[in-house]
Amino acid sequence: MGIGSGIALFVIGAILAFAINIDTGGYVDLHLIGYILMGAGVVVFLISLVLVLRSRRTSIVERSSVDPASGDRVTRRSVRDDDSLA
C-alpha cells in the first residue's frame, strides 16, 4: 500500500459516507463503512508519507594503504547505512 492507496480508500469512503443514500434494511450501515474507510485511508496515507520522507544516511569510508609485501597501493571501501532518526 502506498500514498495512492490511502487516497483511494479515503475517496471511496467519502463516496459511501456522503454521496450514497441507499437503504439496506438495517443490515449494513454504509455511512459507518464510509467513515471507517476514510479513517483507514488517512492512516495508510500518513504511514506511507512517513516512510517515504524519513531520512536515510549513507557513510562511505575509504582507506588507502601500501601492502608491505608487494608495495602495491591497497584501497578499502566500507559503506554504512545509518537509519537512525538522530
C-alpha atoms as a PDB file:
ATOM      1  CA  MET A   1       0.000   0.000   0.000  1.00  0.00           C
ATOM      2  CA  GLY A   2       1.173   3.475  -0.681  1.00  0.00           C
ATOM      3  CA  ILE A   3       0.121   7.071  -0.850  1.00  0.00           C
ATOM      4  CA  GLY A   4      -2.231   6.394  -3.774  1.00  0.00           C
ATOM      5  CA  SER A   5      -3.929   3.556  -1.917  1.00  0.00           C
ATOM      6  CA  GLY A   6      -4.558   5.818   1.059  1.00  0.00           C
ATOM      7  CA  ILE A   7      -6.096   8.469  -1.160  1.00  0.00           C
ATOM      8  CA  ALA A   8      -8.237   5.855  -2.940  1.00  0.00           C
ATOM      9  CA  LEU A   9      -9.520   4.452   0.362  1.00  0.00           C
ATOM     10  CA  PHE A  10     -10.373   7.957   1.542  1.00  0.00           C
ATOM     11  CA  VAL A  11     -12.253   8.806  -1.681  1.00  0.00           C
ATOM     12  CA  ILE A  12     -14.225   5.547  -1.670  1.00  0.00           C
ATOM     13  CA  GLY A  13     -15.076   6.113   1.996  1.00  0.00           C
ATOM     14  CA  ALA A  14     -16.216   9.677   1.306  1.00  0.00           C
ATOM     15  CA  ILE A  15     -18.437   8.459  -1.518  1.00  0.00           C
ATOM     16  CA  LEU A  16     -20.020   5.846   0.752  1.00  0.00           C
ATOM     17  CA  ALA A  17     -20.410   8.271   3.651  1.00  0.00           C
ATOM     18  CA  PHE A  18     -21.743  11.329   1.842  1.00  0.00           C
ATOM     19  CA  ALA A  19     -22.935  10.534  -1.685  1.00  0.00           C
ATOM     20  CA  ILE A  20     -24.858   7.267  -1.458  1.00  0.00           C
ATOM     21  CA  ASN A  21     -28.337   7.172   0.089  1.00  0.00           C
ATOM     22  CA  ILE A  22     -29.342   3.516  -0.156  1.00  0.00           C
ATOM     23  CA  ASP A  23     -31.486   1.808   2.481  1.00  0.00           C
ATOM     24  CA  THR A  24     -30.051  -1.657   3.124  1.00  0.00           C
ATOM     25  CA  GLY A  25     -32.742  -2.664   5.592  1.00  0.00           C
ATOM     26  CA  GLY A  26     -30.598  -2.154   8.679  1.00  0.00           C
ATOM     27  CA  TYR A  27     -28.114  -4.924   7.937  1.00  0.00           C
ATOM     28  CA  VAL A  28     -25.285  -2.756   6.677  1.00  0.00           C
ATOM     29  CA  ASP A  29     -24.648   0.873   7.600  1.00  0.00           C
ATOM     30  CA  LEU A  30     -22.934   2.313   4.526  1.00  0.00           C
ATOM     31  CA  HIS A  31     -22.249   5.612   6.268  1.00  0.00           C
ATOM     32  CA  LEU A  32     -20.287   3.859   9.036  1.00  0.00           C
ATOM     33  CA  ILE A  33     -18.343   1.786   6.499  1.00  0.00           C
ATOM     34  CA  GLY A  34     -17.557   5.028   4.657  1.00  0.00           C
ATOM     35  CA  TYR A  35     -16.214   6.657   7.810  1.00  0.00           C
ATOM     36  CA  ILE A  36     -14.115   3.573   8.600  1.00  0.00           C
ATOM     37  CA  LEU A  37     -12.643   3.579   5.078  1.00  0.00           C
ATOM     38  CA  MET A  38     -11.901   7.290   5.343  1.00  0.00           C
ATOM     39  CA  GLY A  39     -10.062   6.720   8.632  1.00  0.00           C
ATOM     40  CA  ALA A  40      -8.124   3.795   7.183  1.00  0.00           C
ATOM     41  CA  GLY A  41      -7.204   5.907   4.156  1.00  0.00           C
ATOM     42  CA  VAL A  42      -5.818   8.670   6.362  1.00  0.00           C
ATOM     43  CA  VAL A  43      -3.779   6.162   8.398  1.00  0.00           C
ATOM     44  CA  VAL A  44      -2.357   4.460   5.270  1.00  0.00           C
ATOM     45  CA  PHE A  45      -1.552   7.840   3.720  1.00  0.00           C
ATOM     46  CA  LEU A  46       0.269   9.100   6.821  1.00  0.00           C
ATOM     47  CA  ILE A  47       2.265   5.885   7.321  1.00  0.00           C
ATOM     48  CA  SER A  48       3.300   5.878   3.666  1.00  0.00           C
ATOM     49  CA  LEU A  49       4.271   9.536   3.849  1.00  0.00           C
ATOM     50  CA  VAL A  50       6.425   8.962   6.936  1.00  0.00           C
ATOM     51  CA  LEU A  51       8.170   6.010   5.312  1.00  0.00           C
ATOM     52  CA  VAL A  52       8.881   7.964   2.126  1.00  0.00           C
ATOM     53  CA  LEU A  53      10.131  11.096   3.872  1.00  0.00           C
ATOM     54  CA  ARG A  54      12.323   9.533   6.541  1.00  0.00           C
ATOM     55  CA  SER A  55      15.951  10.348   6.050  1.00  0.00           C
ATOM     56  CA  ARG A  56      18.453   7.690   5.070  1.00  0.00           C
ATOM     57  CA  ARG A  57      22.095   8.432   5.541  1.00  0.00           C
ATOM     58  CA  THR A  58      24.914   6.505   3.935  1.00  0.00           C
ATOM     59  CA  SER A  59      28.520   6.920   5.005  1.00  0.00           C
ATOM     60  CA  ILE A  60      31.311   5.821   2.700  1.00  0.00           C
ATOM     61  CA  VAL A  61      34.758   5.449   4.277  1.00  0.00           C
ATOM     62  CA  GLU A  62      37.716   4.880   2.012  1.00  0.00           C
ATOM     63  CA  ARG A  63      41.128   3.887   3.391  1.00  0.00           C
ATOM     64  CA  SER A  64      44.321   3.620   1.354  1.00  0.00           C
ATOM     65  CA  SER A  65      47.488   1.862   2.443  1.00  0.00           C
ATOM     66  CA  VAL A  66      50.556   0.262   0.920  1.00  0.00           C
ATOM     67  CA  ASP A  67      50.944  -3.523   1.066  1.00  0.00           C
ATOM     68  CA  PRO A  68      54.384  -4.100   2.631  1.00  0.00           C
ATOM     69  CA  ALA A  69      54.961  -7.401   0.811  1.00  0.00           C
ATOM     70  CA  SER A  70      54.256  -6.286  -2.750  1.00  0.00           C
ATOM     71  CA  GLY A  71      54.479  -2.496  -2.494  1.00  0.00           C
ATOM     72  CA  ASP A  72      51.069  -2.109  -4.182  1.00  0.00           C
ATOM     73  CA  ARG A  73      48.575   0.508  -3.058  1.00  0.00           C
ATOM     74  CA  VAL A  74      45.506  -1.099  -1.466  1.00  0.00           C
ATOM     75  CA  THR A  75      42.219   0.783  -1.155  1.00  0.00           C
ATOM     76  CA  ARG A  76      39.469  -0.452   1.137  1.00  0.00           C
ATOM     77  CA  ARG A  77      35.993   0.960   0.957  1.00  0.00           C
ATOM     78  CA  SER A  78      33.239   0.408   3.510  1.00  0.00           C
ATOM     79  CA  VAL A  79      29.629   1.531   3.242  1.00  0.00           C
ATOM     80  CA  ARG A  80      27.429   2.017   6.283  1.00  0.00           C
ATOM     81  CA  ASP A  81      23.709   2.748   6.229  1.00  0.00           C
ATOM     82  CA  ASP A  82      22.546   4.803   9.186  1.00  0.00           C
ATOM     83  CA  ASP A  83      18.755   4.597   9.503  1.00  0.00           C
ATOM     84  CA  SER A  84      18.599   6.181  12.942  1.00  0.00           C
ATOM     85  CA  LEU A  85      16.355   9.183  13.396  1.00  0.00           C
ATOM     86  CA  ALA A  86      19.011  11.156  15.291  1.00  0.00           C
END
